[in-house]
Amino acid sequence: MKLNIAAYCFADVADVTVLADAVRVRAEALGLLGSVLVASEGINLFLAGEDIDVRSFLEWLRVDARFADIQAKESWSAHVPFAKLKVKAKREIVPFAGRPAGLGEARAPSVDAATLRRWIAAGHDDAGKPLVLLDTRNREEIGYGTFHDARTLPIDNFNDLPAAVEAIRDELRDATVVSFCTGGIRCEKAAPWMRDVGLDNVLQLEGGILRYFEEVGGEGYDGACFVFDERIALDPALKPLRDEAVERA
């Protein structure tokens, strides 16, 4: 079985090109395939390969103090679901109209998977406040599955989220809003932005849908979670919708 990881870490990266080149060399040496984005705001990666090689790469990356705390969501597949390795230097690791992630004290408060499962079962948070699960993904992703009764947005691009949220502001005002996405990275920008514009009742799901599946399964979730590789989507047991060998030229 092949180990697949999804991970990100926001950090100040002055040497974007140097880091991207080093990542490429290390991943190639370990025979890993997938995609890595490096920007001045951090790193975002999806990689797959042999268990020992993937873990070796993470150990190497964590030697860099900027990424010492990077956490990976894990899943398994019979085949590596990527055709090649792509490492790119970008302006942002998750494009959101140049808006920064909420780091440190500016980071939006989060809720862990076990707590959210309890809130979903109760229909409200621990204070009895109504719960709204806000899906920050696009329509294609949502088509494969989302949390039961989640509030979805009619967007095709993450940059369209601000206007879509403004249109439903009144629906969100009196609830505890838990924003979520695939692995959590989009909410690192979306949730702080929502709090900045006055929606101070917004939390983010720690680790996103994939961490929720990993820690508590699929309770309260309908369908599968779209992923950005050949597997297409993962069910709550983290099993792929499609698990085929990647055609290689």
Protein backbone atom coordinates (compact mmCIF):
# COMPACT_ATOMS: atom_id res chain seq x y z
CA MET A 1 0.00 0.00 0.00
CA LYS A 2 1.12 3.55 -0.74
CA LEU A 3 1.02 6.34 1.83
CA ASN A 4 -0.63 9.58 0.75
CA ILE A 5 -0.20 12.79 2.73
CA ALA A 6 -1.76 16.22 2.56
CA ALA A 7 -0.05 18.92 4.62
CA TYR A 8 0.47 22.65 4.81
CA CYS A 9 2.26 25.12 7.00
CA PHE A 10 2.12 28.90 6.93
CA ALA A 11 5.51 30.47 7.59
CA ASP A 12 7.69 33.34 6.43
CA VAL A 13 9.69 32.05 3.46
CA ALA A 14 12.19 34.50 2.03
CA ASP A 15 14.03 31.89 -0.06
CA VAL A 16 11.07 30.58 -2.07
CA THR A 17 13.04 29.36 -5.10
CA VAL A 18 15.80 27.85 -2.97
CA LEU A 19 13.27 25.97 -0.84
CA ALA A 20 11.31 24.77 -3.88
CA ASP A 21 14.51 23.42 -5.45
CA ALA A 22 15.50 21.66 -2.23
CA VAL A 23 12.05 20.10 -1.89
CA ARG A 24 12.19 18.88 -5.48
CA VAL A 25 15.60 17.30 -5.03
CA ARG A 26 14.61 15.57 -1.79
CA ALA A 27 11.26 14.29 -3.11
CA GLU A 28 12.86 13.01 -6.31
CA ALA A 29 15.57 11.23 -4.34
CA LEU A 30 12.88 9.44 -2.33
CA GLY A 31 10.82 8.57 -5.40
CA LEU A 32 7.79 10.58 -4.30
CA LEU A 33 5.11 11.84 -6.68
CA GLY A 34 2.53 14.58 -6.18
CA SER A 35 2.42 18.35 -6.03
CA VAL A 36 4.08 20.93 -3.80
CA LEU A 37 3.46 24.67 -3.73
CA VAL A 38 5.99 26.99 -2.12
CA ALA A 39 5.33 30.68 -1.54
CA SER A 40 6.50 33.47 0.71
CA GLU A 41 3.61 32.50 3.03
CA GLY A 42 4.56 28.84 3.44
CA ILE A 43 4.24 25.39 1.86
CA ASN A 44 1.34 23.20 0.74
CA LEU A 45 1.90 19.62 -0.37
CA PHE A 46 0.22 16.46 -1.58
CA LEU A 47 2.68 13.57 -1.88
CA ALA A 48 2.55 9.81 -2.16
CA GLY A 49 4.98 6.92 -2.15
CA GLU A 50 6.34 4.16 0.02
CA ASP A 51 5.56 4.62 3.71
CA ILE A 52 9.20 4.88 4.78
CA ASP A 53 10.01 7.40 2.03
CA VAL A 54 7.06 9.69 2.74
CA ARG A 55 7.87 9.74 6.45
CA SER A 56 11.53 10.38 5.67
CA PHE A 57 10.54 13.40 3.62
CA LEU A 58 8.46 14.80 6.48
CA GLU A 59 11.31 14.26 8.92
CA TRP A 60 13.64 16.12 6.56
CA LEU A 61 11.18 19.00 6.17
CA ARG A 62 10.66 19.32 9.93
CA VAL A 63 14.38 19.88 10.45
CA ASP A 64 13.67 23.35 9.05
CA ALA A 65 12.43 25.26 12.11
CA ARG A 66 9.80 27.01 9.99
CA PHE A 67 8.07 23.67 9.37
CA ALA A 68 8.83 21.84 12.60
CA ASP A 69 5.15 21.63 13.50
CA ILE A 70 3.75 20.65 10.10
CA GLN A 71 1.01 18.02 10.48
CA ALA A 72 0.02 15.62 7.72
CA LYS A 73 -3.34 14.01 7.02
CA GLU A 74 -2.73 10.41 5.96
CA SER A 75 -4.57 7.99 3.70
CA TRP A 76 -3.64 4.82 1.84
CA SER A 77 -4.08 3.54 -1.70
CA ALA A 78 -3.00 0.52 -3.69
CA HIS A 79 -1.25 2.76 -6.20
CA VAL A 80 0.37 6.18 -6.19
CA PRO A 81 -2.42 8.48 -7.45
CA PHE A 82 -0.12 10.97 -9.18
CA ALA A 83 1.53 10.73 -12.60
CA LYS A 84 4.53 12.91 -11.76
CA LEU A 85 6.15 15.21 -9.22
CA LYS A 86 5.38 18.93 -9.58
CA VAL A 87 7.03 21.52 -7.34
CA LYS A 88 6.10 25.14 -8.05
CA ALA A 89 6.95 28.54 -6.62
CA LYS A 90 3.78 30.59 -6.26
CA ARG A 91 2.60 33.95 -4.90
CA GLU A 92 0.27 32.17 -2.45
CA ILE A 93 -0.04 28.54 -1.37
CA VAL A 94 -3.81 29.02 -1.41
CA PRO A 95 -4.97 31.93 -3.58
CA PHE A 96 -7.40 34.23 -1.83
CA ALA A 97 -7.03 37.61 -3.55
CA GLY A 98 -3.79 38.29 -1.71
CA ARG A 99 -5.42 38.05 1.72
CA PRO A 100 -3.06 36.60 4.35
CA ALA A 101 -3.75 33.66 6.61
CA GLY A 102 -4.67 34.43 10.18
CA LEU A 103 -1.49 33.49 11.99
CA GLY A 104 -0.81 33.55 15.72
CA GLU A 105 -3.35 35.62 17.63
CA ALA A 106 -5.05 36.50 14.34
CA ARG A 107 -5.89 32.85 13.63
CA ALA A 108 -9.58 32.10 13.94
CA PRO A 109 -10.50 29.82 16.86
CA SER A 110 -10.81 26.18 15.86
CA VAL A 111 -12.92 23.22 16.86
CA ASP A 112 -11.63 19.65 16.85
CA ALA A 113 -13.32 16.69 15.20
CA ALA A 114 -14.63 15.07 18.37
CA THR A 115 -16.23 18.30 19.56
CA LEU A 116 -17.83 18.95 16.20
CA ARG A 117 -19.24 15.42 16.11
CA ARG A 118 -20.86 16.07 19.49
CA TRP A 119 -22.28 19.41 18.32
CA ILE A 120 -23.66 17.84 15.15
CA ALA A 121 -25.43 15.14 17.16
CA ALA A 122 -26.92 17.77 19.49
CA GLY A 123 -27.73 20.31 16.77
CA HIS A 124 -26.04 23.09 18.73
CA ASP A 125 -22.78 24.02 20.44
CA ASP A 126 -22.03 23.49 24.14
CA ALA A 127 -23.72 26.79 25.01
CA GLY A 128 -26.91 25.78 23.19
CA LYS A 129 -26.30 28.14 20.28
CA PRO A 130 -27.54 26.97 16.84
CA LEU A 131 -24.88 25.37 14.66
CA VAL A 132 -24.16 26.25 11.03
CA LEU A 133 -21.61 24.22 9.10
CA LEU A 134 -20.26 26.46 6.34
CA ASP A 135 -18.66 24.70 3.37
CA THR A 136 -15.95 26.93 1.85
CA ARG A 137 -15.28 24.60 -1.11
CA ASN A 138 -16.55 24.96 -4.66
CA ARG A 139 -19.56 23.38 -6.31
CA GLU A 140 -17.63 20.56 -7.98
CA GLU A 141 -16.16 19.43 -4.66
CA ILE A 142 -19.48 19.71 -2.84
CA GLY A 143 -21.05 17.46 -5.47
CA TYR A 144 -19.14 14.49 -4.03
CA GLY A 145 -20.33 15.08 -0.48
CA THR A 146 -20.52 17.45 2.47
CA PHE A 147 -21.73 17.55 6.05
CA HIS A 148 -25.44 16.90 6.50
CA ASP A 149 -27.43 20.15 6.16
CA ALA A 150 -24.23 22.16 5.62
CA ARG A 151 -24.61 25.67 4.24
CA THR A 152 -22.97 25.53 0.82
CA LEU A 153 -21.99 28.44 -1.40
CA PRO A 154 -22.59 28.84 -5.16
CA ILE A 155 -18.92 29.38 -5.98
CA ASP A 156 -16.53 27.90 -8.51
CA ASN A 157 -13.45 29.71 -7.26
CA PHE A 158 -12.22 30.35 -3.73
CA ASN A 159 -11.77 34.03 -4.54
CA ASP A 160 -15.56 34.24 -4.98
CA LEU A 161 -16.14 33.34 -1.33
CA PRO A 162 -16.27 36.89 0.13
CA ALA A 163 -19.20 37.98 -2.04
CA ALA A 164 -21.05 34.70 -1.41
CA VAL A 165 -20.63 35.03 2.36
CA GLU A 166 -21.78 38.64 2.35
CA ALA A 167 -24.96 37.52 0.60
CA ILE A 168 -25.87 35.19 3.49
CA ARG A 169 -24.51 37.26 6.37
CA ASP A 170 -27.92 37.45 8.08
CA GLU A 171 -28.20 33.63 8.10
CA LEU A 172 -24.91 33.35 9.96
CA ARG A 173 -25.29 36.16 12.45
CA ASP A 174 -26.98 34.33 15.35
CA ALA A 175 -25.30 30.93 15.05
CA THR A 176 -21.99 29.32 15.88
CA VAL A 177 -20.50 28.98 12.42
CA VAL A 178 -17.95 26.23 11.77
CA SER A 179 -16.19 26.75 8.45
CA PHE A 180 -14.60 23.73 6.81
CA CYS A 181 -12.78 22.59 3.69
CA THR A 182 -10.82 19.53 2.56
CA GLY A 183 -7.76 19.76 4.76
CA GLY A 184 -8.17 23.07 6.57
CA ILE A 185 -5.93 25.34 4.52
CA ARG A 186 -8.65 27.45 2.91
CA CYS A 187 -10.27 28.12 6.28
CA GLU A 188 -6.94 29.47 7.54
CA LYS A 189 -7.72 32.45 5.30
CA ALA A 190 -11.51 32.38 5.05
CA ALA A 191 -12.30 32.19 8.77
CA PRO A 192 -10.07 35.12 9.82
CA TRP A 193 -11.46 37.18 6.93
CA MET A 194 -15.03 36.49 8.10
CA ARG A 195 -14.14 37.53 11.63
CA ASP A 196 -12.45 40.67 10.30
CA VAL A 197 -15.67 41.72 8.55
CA GLY A 198 -17.74 41.34 11.71
CA LEU A 199 -18.69 37.65 11.79
CA ASP A 200 -16.93 37.03 15.09
CA ASN A 201 -18.90 33.83 15.68
CA VAL A 202 -16.90 31.89 13.05
CA LEU A 203 -14.67 28.93 13.95
CA GLN A 204 -12.65 26.66 11.68
CA LEU A 205 -12.66 22.86 11.68
CA GLU A 206 -9.14 21.82 12.66
CA GLY A 207 -7.62 19.73 9.89
CA GLY A 208 -10.71 19.93 7.70
CA ILE A 209 -12.82 17.05 6.46
CA LEU A 210 -9.86 14.69 6.11
CA ARG A 211 -8.88 15.08 9.76
CA TYR A 212 -12.54 14.62 10.76
CA PHE A 213 -12.66 11.32 8.80
CA GLU A 214 -9.34 10.25 10.31
CA GLU A 215 -10.32 10.95 13.92
CA VAL A 216 -14.08 10.24 14.15
CA GLY A 217 -15.24 8.71 10.85
CA GLY A 218 -18.21 9.93 8.86
CA GLU A 219 -20.85 10.70 11.49
CA GLY A 220 -22.88 13.64 10.23
CA TYR A 221 -21.27 13.57 6.79
CA ASP A 222 -23.05 12.59 3.56
CA GLY A 223 -21.01 11.10 0.70
CA ALA A 224 -17.28 11.40 0.10
CA CYS A 225 -14.64 14.12 0.15
CA PHE A 226 -13.18 15.29 -3.15
CA VAL A 227 -9.37 15.17 -3.27
CA PHE A 228 -7.01 16.64 -5.82
CA ASP A 229 -5.52 13.48 -7.33
CA GLU A 230 -6.36 10.36 -9.32
CA ARG A 231 -8.44 8.87 -6.49
CA ILE A 232 -11.06 11.59 -7.08
CA ALA A 233 -12.64 11.34 -3.62
CA LEU A 234 -12.25 9.55 -0.28
CA ASP A 235 -15.06 7.99 1.74
CA PRO A 236 -15.23 8.44 5.54
CA ALA A 237 -13.02 5.35 5.95
CA LEU A 238 -10.45 7.20 3.79
CA LYS A 239 -10.88 4.67 0.99
CA PRO A 240 -10.64 6.05 -2.56
CA LEU A 241 -13.52 6.32 -4.98
CA ARG A 242 -11.08 5.20 -7.65
CA ASP A 243 -7.76 3.50 -7.03
CA GLU A 244 -6.04 2.76 -10.30
CA ALA A 245 -2.44 2.80 -11.34
CA VAL A 246 -1.48 6.08 -12.98
CA GLU A 247 -0.70 5.76 -16.66
CA ARG A 248 2.91 6.66 -17.32
CA ALA A 249 4.22 7.66 -20.67
